[in-house]
Amino acid sequence: MGQAQRVVITGSTRGIGLGMAKEFLRLGHRVVVSGRSQEAVDKAVASLADYASQVVGIRCNVSQGPDLQALWDSAVAELSGVDLWINNAGISHPRQRAGDMQEKDIRAVQETNLLGMMLGTQIAAKGMQAQGGGTIYNMEGFGSNGMAIPGMSLYGASKFALTYFNKALAAELAQGPVKICYLSPGI
């Protein structure tokens, strides 16, 4: 199997993130799961009880830089470093046409999906450069390829912007010890 990896997954208390956590744990890696609420984190960790010695749960709101820095610092303290950082946290919203969009939804989607991914990438890249390397995976999604559906403009715009960010950052870091990768699992 090779050496066990030390993995951090944002937004991993349910859905794709929790599924990735389970698979990494099954393969023998050490994993930090995270989510917005301590209750969600505790529930996710309890669901992974078969891997109790390999999993750590840390609360983190990815739209808050200090939370992301605390996630990095706690993961390094618990795992003695981070090999893989997966920016998976993301939210959607009820479908809304442009004239009906709610400011709270505009802010929430962009702060989580775009700002959270950018801040998480910045913190992980800086930490990985200091430790000598690592790999960051950013999850894209619907809209990242330019596809548009009425009512999905908020979510799609956040993912389309993220595609540019990922490509630019991959080019910037191409010759260094930190690798930027991106995945688009679809909607």
Protein backbone atom coordinates (compact mmCIF):
# COMPACT_ATOMS: atom_id res chain seq x y z
CA MET A 1 0.00 0.00 0.00
CA GLY A 2 2.91 2.42 0.54
CA GLN A 3 3.35 4.94 3.29
CA ALA A 4 0.22 6.16 5.05
CA GLN A 5 -0.77 9.65 3.99
CA ARG A 6 -1.89 12.40 6.35
CA VAL A 7 -5.09 13.81 4.88
CA VAL A 8 -7.28 16.83 5.72
CA ILE A 9 -10.72 17.07 4.09
CA THR A 10 -12.83 20.18 4.53
CA GLY A 11 -16.58 19.65 4.43
CA SER A 12 -16.25 15.99 5.31
CA THR A 13 -19.08 15.42 7.78
CA ARG A 14 -21.42 14.15 5.05
CA GLY A 15 -21.73 13.50 1.33
CA ILE A 16 -18.69 13.22 -0.92
CA GLY A 17 -16.35 14.46 1.81
CA LEU A 18 -17.39 11.78 4.29
CA GLY A 19 -17.19 9.18 1.52
CA MET A 20 -13.62 10.23 0.72
CA ALA A 21 -12.72 10.11 4.41
CA LYS A 22 -14.06 6.56 4.70
CA GLU A 23 -12.09 5.41 1.66
CA PHE A 24 -8.82 7.02 2.81
CA LEU A 25 -9.28 5.42 6.24
CA ARG A 26 -10.08 2.03 4.69
CA LEU A 27 -6.79 2.27 2.78
CA GLY A 28 -4.87 2.87 6.02
CA HIS A 29 -4.35 6.63 5.87
CA ARG A 30 -4.81 9.10 8.75
CA VAL A 31 -7.62 11.60 8.21
CA VAL A 32 -8.88 14.85 9.69
CA VAL A 33 -12.58 15.38 9.03
CA SER A 34 -14.08 18.83 9.42
CA GLY A 35 -17.35 20.69 9.21
CA ARG A 36 -19.05 23.90 10.36
CA SER A 37 -20.47 22.58 13.63
CA GLN A 38 -18.90 20.52 16.39
CA GLU A 39 -22.07 18.40 16.47
CA ALA A 40 -21.66 17.46 12.79
CA VAL A 41 -17.96 16.72 13.32
CA ASP A 42 -18.68 14.51 16.35
CA LYS A 43 -21.37 12.62 14.44
CA ALA A 44 -19.03 12.02 11.49
CA VAL A 45 -16.21 10.81 13.74
CA ALA A 46 -18.66 8.47 15.52
CA SER A 47 -19.69 7.04 12.13
CA LEU A 48 -16.02 6.24 11.53
CA ALA A 49 -15.58 4.40 14.85
CA ASP A 50 -13.98 1.41 13.09
CA TYR A 51 -11.03 3.71 12.35
CA ALA A 52 -10.89 5.56 15.69
CA SER A 53 -7.08 5.46 15.88
CA GLN A 54 -6.74 6.99 12.40
CA VAL A 55 -9.35 9.77 12.44
CA VAL A 56 -9.51 13.18 14.08
CA GLY A 57 -12.43 15.62 13.90
CA ILE A 58 -11.97 19.39 13.94
CA ARG A 59 -14.66 22.06 13.60
CA CYS A 60 -13.96 24.60 10.84
CA ASN A 61 -16.00 27.21 9.00
CA VAL A 62 -14.03 27.54 5.75
CA SER A 63 -15.25 31.08 5.13
CA GLN A 64 -13.20 32.17 8.16
CA GLY A 65 -9.43 32.41 7.73
CA PRO A 66 -8.68 31.93 11.44
CA ASP A 67 -10.76 28.70 11.44
CA LEU A 68 -8.79 27.39 8.47
CA GLN A 69 -5.48 28.30 10.09
CA ALA A 70 -6.60 26.51 13.26
CA LEU A 71 -7.56 23.48 11.13
CA TRP A 72 -4.08 23.42 9.59
CA ASP A 73 -2.34 23.92 12.93
CA SER A 74 -4.44 21.25 14.66
CA ALA A 75 -3.93 18.78 11.81
CA VAL A 76 -0.16 19.30 11.91
CA ALA A 77 -0.18 18.84 15.69
CA GLU A 78 -2.27 15.65 15.47
CA LEU A 79 -0.66 14.10 12.37
CA SER A 80 2.87 15.60 12.43
CA GLY A 81 2.26 17.17 9.01
CA VAL A 82 -0.22 17.14 6.13
CA ASP A 83 0.41 15.32 2.85
CA LEU A 84 -2.99 15.87 1.22
CA TRP A 85 -5.34 18.80 1.79
CA ILE A 86 -8.71 18.44 0.05
CA ASN A 87 -10.84 21.57 -0.21
CA ASN A 88 -14.22 19.88 -0.48
CA ALA A 89 -16.50 22.17 1.55
CA GLY A 90 -19.22 23.71 -0.56
CA ILE A 91 -22.84 24.74 -0.42
CA SER A 92 -25.62 25.26 -2.88
CA HIS A 93 -28.84 27.21 -2.59
CA PRO A 94 -32.45 26.91 -3.65
CA ARG A 95 -32.68 27.57 -7.38
CA GLN A 96 -33.16 31.29 -7.92
CA ARG A 97 -33.50 33.38 -11.07
CA ALA A 98 -31.28 36.47 -11.25
CA GLY A 99 -34.00 38.93 -10.19
CA ASP A 100 -34.99 36.74 -7.26
CA MET A 101 -31.56 36.04 -5.80
CA GLN A 102 -31.29 36.63 -2.07
CA GLU A 103 -28.27 38.54 -0.77
CA LYS A 104 -27.79 36.02 2.05
CA ASP A 105 -27.51 33.21 -0.54
CA ILE A 106 -25.15 35.20 -2.76
CA ARG A 107 -22.85 35.83 0.18
CA ALA A 108 -23.05 32.34 1.66
CA VAL A 109 -22.32 30.52 -1.61
CA GLN A 110 -19.42 32.77 -2.61
CA GLU A 111 -17.93 32.88 0.89
CA THR A 112 -17.96 29.10 1.22
CA ASN A 113 -17.35 27.87 -2.32
CA LEU A 114 -14.90 30.48 -3.56
CA LEU A 115 -13.45 32.42 -0.63
CA GLY A 116 -13.23 29.27 1.51
CA MET A 117 -11.42 27.38 -1.24
CA MET A 118 -9.01 30.27 -1.83
CA LEU A 119 -8.24 30.77 1.86
CA GLY A 120 -7.87 27.02 2.43
CA THR A 121 -5.52 26.75 -0.54
CA GLN A 122 -3.47 29.71 0.65
CA ILE A 123 -3.06 28.32 4.16
CA ALA A 124 -2.32 24.77 3.00
CA ALA A 125 0.14 25.93 0.32
CA LYS A 126 2.04 28.09 2.79
CA GLY A 127 2.16 25.28 5.35
CA MET A 128 3.16 22.68 2.78
CA GLN A 129 5.94 24.88 1.40
CA ALA A 130 7.30 25.23 4.95
CA GLN A 131 7.21 21.46 5.51
CA GLY A 132 8.82 20.71 2.12
CA GLY A 133 5.83 19.70 0.00
CA GLY A 134 2.35 18.29 -0.32
CA THR A 135 -0.66 18.14 -2.60
CA ILE A 136 -3.82 20.23 -2.55
CA TYR A 137 -6.99 19.04 -4.24
CA ASN A 138 -9.75 21.56 -4.93
CA MET A 139 -13.19 20.21 -5.70
CA GLU A 140 -14.89 21.94 -8.56
CA GLY A 141 -18.46 21.15 -9.57
CA PHE A 142 -21.38 22.18 -11.71
CA GLY A 143 -20.51 25.27 -13.72
CA SER A 144 -16.75 24.73 -13.64
CA ASN A 145 -16.86 23.76 -17.32
CA GLY A 146 -19.01 26.76 -18.28
CA MET A 147 -22.30 24.85 -18.37
CA ALA A 148 -25.21 27.07 -17.34
CA ILE A 149 -28.70 26.22 -16.13
CA PRO A 150 -31.26 28.87 -15.16
CA GLY A 151 -31.50 29.15 -11.39
CA MET A 152 -27.99 27.80 -10.74
CA SER A 153 -26.04 31.00 -11.44
CA LEU A 154 -24.76 31.51 -7.88
CA TYR A 155 -23.36 28.01 -7.50
CA GLY A 156 -22.10 27.78 -11.10
CA ALA A 157 -20.37 31.17 -10.91
CA SER A 158 -18.49 30.12 -7.77
CA LYS A 159 -17.25 26.95 -9.45
CA PHE A 160 -16.42 28.65 -12.77
CA ALA A 161 -14.26 31.22 -10.92
CA LEU A 162 -12.63 28.38 -9.02
CA THR A 163 -11.58 26.74 -12.29
CA TYR A 164 -9.60 29.84 -13.26
CA PHE A 165 -8.09 30.03 -9.76
CA ASN A 166 -7.03 26.37 -9.90
CA LYS A 167 -5.42 26.66 -13.35
CA ALA A 168 -3.58 29.87 -12.47
CA LEU A 169 -2.34 28.47 -9.17
CA ALA A 170 -1.24 25.19 -10.75
CA ALA A 171 0.88 27.18 -13.21
CA GLU A 172 2.33 29.37 -10.44
CA LEU A 173 3.33 26.39 -8.31
CA ALA A 174 4.31 24.01 -11.13
CA GLN A 175 8.02 23.96 -10.31
CA GLY A 176 7.71 23.87 -6.53
CA PRO A 177 7.15 21.20 -3.89
CA VAL A 178 3.39 21.89 -3.58
CA LYS A 179 1.10 20.46 -6.24
CA ILE A 180 -2.36 21.84 -7.03
CA CYS A 181 -4.92 19.42 -8.41
CA TYR A 182 -8.63 19.73 -9.02
CA LEU A 183 -11.50 17.30 -9.34
CA SER A 184 -15.01 17.82 -10.66
CA PRO A 185 -17.33 15.09 -9.41
CA GLY A 186 -20.42 16.62 -11.02
CA ILE A 187 -23.59 17.64 -9.31
